[in-house]
Amino acid sequence: MQKAKEAVLSAAEEAKKRVQELRERLDQDQDGIPDRLKTLSESAKKAAETAKAKAEEAARPSRNAWARGIPKIREGINPGPRLRPS
């Protein structure tokens, strides 16, 4: 029974060491945040800022309605053939 207990404690200590090594490998600058997670967070923040800027620009009304693709209606344009009463 004692040997089994020692084996379990030994395995637990070994697991703790491996977890600590993994944490150190993932966090090279030792700031407590895994470097890959920090990079992903920064990329997401940049994408959110870009999306916000595009949404704000899309929400702004255009100064020139014709620039948005509204067809121009002018007086004097030939409306097409007219049917004449026969």
Protein backbone atom coordinates (compact mmCIF):
# COMPACT_ATOMS: atom_id res chain seq x y z
CA MET A 1 0.00 0.00 0.00
CA GLN A 2 2.84 2.37 0.86
CA LYS A 3 4.54 1.75 -2.51
CA ALA A 4 1.32 2.55 -4.38
CA LYS A 5 0.94 5.78 -2.42
CA GLU A 6 4.53 6.78 -3.20
CA ALA A 7 4.01 5.95 -6.88
CA VAL A 8 0.90 8.16 -7.02
CA LEU A 9 2.72 11.05 -5.29
CA SER A 10 5.68 10.65 -7.62
CA ALA A 11 3.40 10.67 -10.69
CA ALA A 12 1.63 13.78 -9.37
CA GLU A 13 4.95 15.60 -8.85
CA GLU A 14 6.08 14.61 -12.35
CA ALA A 15 2.79 15.90 -13.81
CA LYS A 16 3.20 19.21 -11.95
CA LYS A 17 6.72 19.59 -13.36
CA ARG A 18 5.53 18.90 -16.90
CA VAL A 19 2.66 21.38 -16.60
CA GLN A 20 5.08 24.03 -15.34
CA GLU A 21 7.48 23.33 -18.22
CA LEU A 22 4.61 23.63 -20.70
CA ARG A 23 3.51 26.94 -19.20
CA GLU A 24 7.05 28.28 -19.43
CA ARG A 25 7.30 27.18 -23.07
CA LEU A 26 4.00 28.87 -23.96
CA ASP A 27 4.83 32.09 -22.10
CA GLN A 28 8.30 33.08 -23.28
CA ASP A 29 8.14 36.64 -21.93
CA GLN A 30 7.01 35.47 -18.46
CA ASP A 31 4.11 37.92 -18.16
CA GLY A 32 1.57 35.28 -17.19
CA ILE A 33 -0.26 35.28 -20.55
CA PRO A 34 0.60 32.66 -23.17
CA ASP A 35 2.22 34.43 -26.12
CA ARG A 36 -0.03 32.81 -28.76
CA LEU A 37 -3.13 33.88 -26.85
CA LYS A 38 -1.78 37.43 -26.66
CA THR A 39 -1.17 37.48 -30.42
CA LEU A 40 -4.67 36.22 -31.14
CA SER A 41 -6.15 38.79 -28.78
CA GLU A 42 -4.29 41.63 -30.50
CA SER A 43 -5.41 40.40 -33.94
CA ALA A 44 -9.03 40.23 -32.79
CA LYS A 45 -8.82 43.74 -31.36
CA LYS A 46 -7.41 45.10 -34.62
CA ALA A 47 -10.15 43.33 -36.65
CA ALA A 48 -12.84 44.74 -34.35
CA GLU A 49 -11.48 48.27 -34.75
CA THR A 50 -11.42 47.90 -38.54
CA ALA A 51 -14.98 46.55 -38.58
CA LYS A 52 -16.15 49.41 -36.38
CA ALA A 53 -14.54 52.00 -38.67
CA LYS A 54 -16.14 50.42 -41.75
CA ALA A 55 -19.55 50.29 -40.06
CA GLU A 56 -19.31 53.95 -39.06
CA GLU A 57 -18.37 54.93 -42.60
CA ALA A 58 -21.22 52.89 -44.05
CA ALA A 59 -23.66 54.54 -41.65
CA ARG A 60 -22.65 58.04 -42.74
CA PRO A 61 -24.95 59.41 -45.45
CA SER A 62 -23.25 60.21 -48.71
CA ARG A 63 -23.10 63.88 -49.67
CA ASN A 64 -23.90 63.03 -53.25
CA ALA A 65 -26.89 60.72 -53.69
CA TRP A 66 -25.85 59.98 -57.26
CA ALA A 67 -22.58 58.52 -56.09
CA ARG A 68 -24.53 55.76 -54.35
CA GLY A 69 -25.87 54.49 -57.63
CA ILE A 70 -29.27 56.17 -57.69
CA PRO A 71 -30.17 56.53 -61.38
CA LYS A 72 -30.24 60.04 -62.74
CA ILE A 73 -33.59 61.28 -63.91
CA ARG A 74 -33.44 64.18 -66.29
CA GLU A 75 -36.03 66.12 -68.13
CA GLY A 76 -36.01 65.61 -71.84
CA ILE A 77 -34.80 62.01 -71.88
CA ASN A 78 -36.62 60.02 -74.51
CA PRO A 79 -38.97 57.79 -72.47
CA GLY A 80 -39.19 55.27 -75.30
CA PRO A 81 -41.73 54.60 -78.04
CA ARG A 82 -45.25 55.83 -77.43
CA LEU A 83 -48.22 53.97 -78.61
CA ARG A 84 -50.29 55.99 -81.05
CA PRO A 85 -53.97 55.41 -81.24
CA SER A 86 -54.78 53.82 -84.57
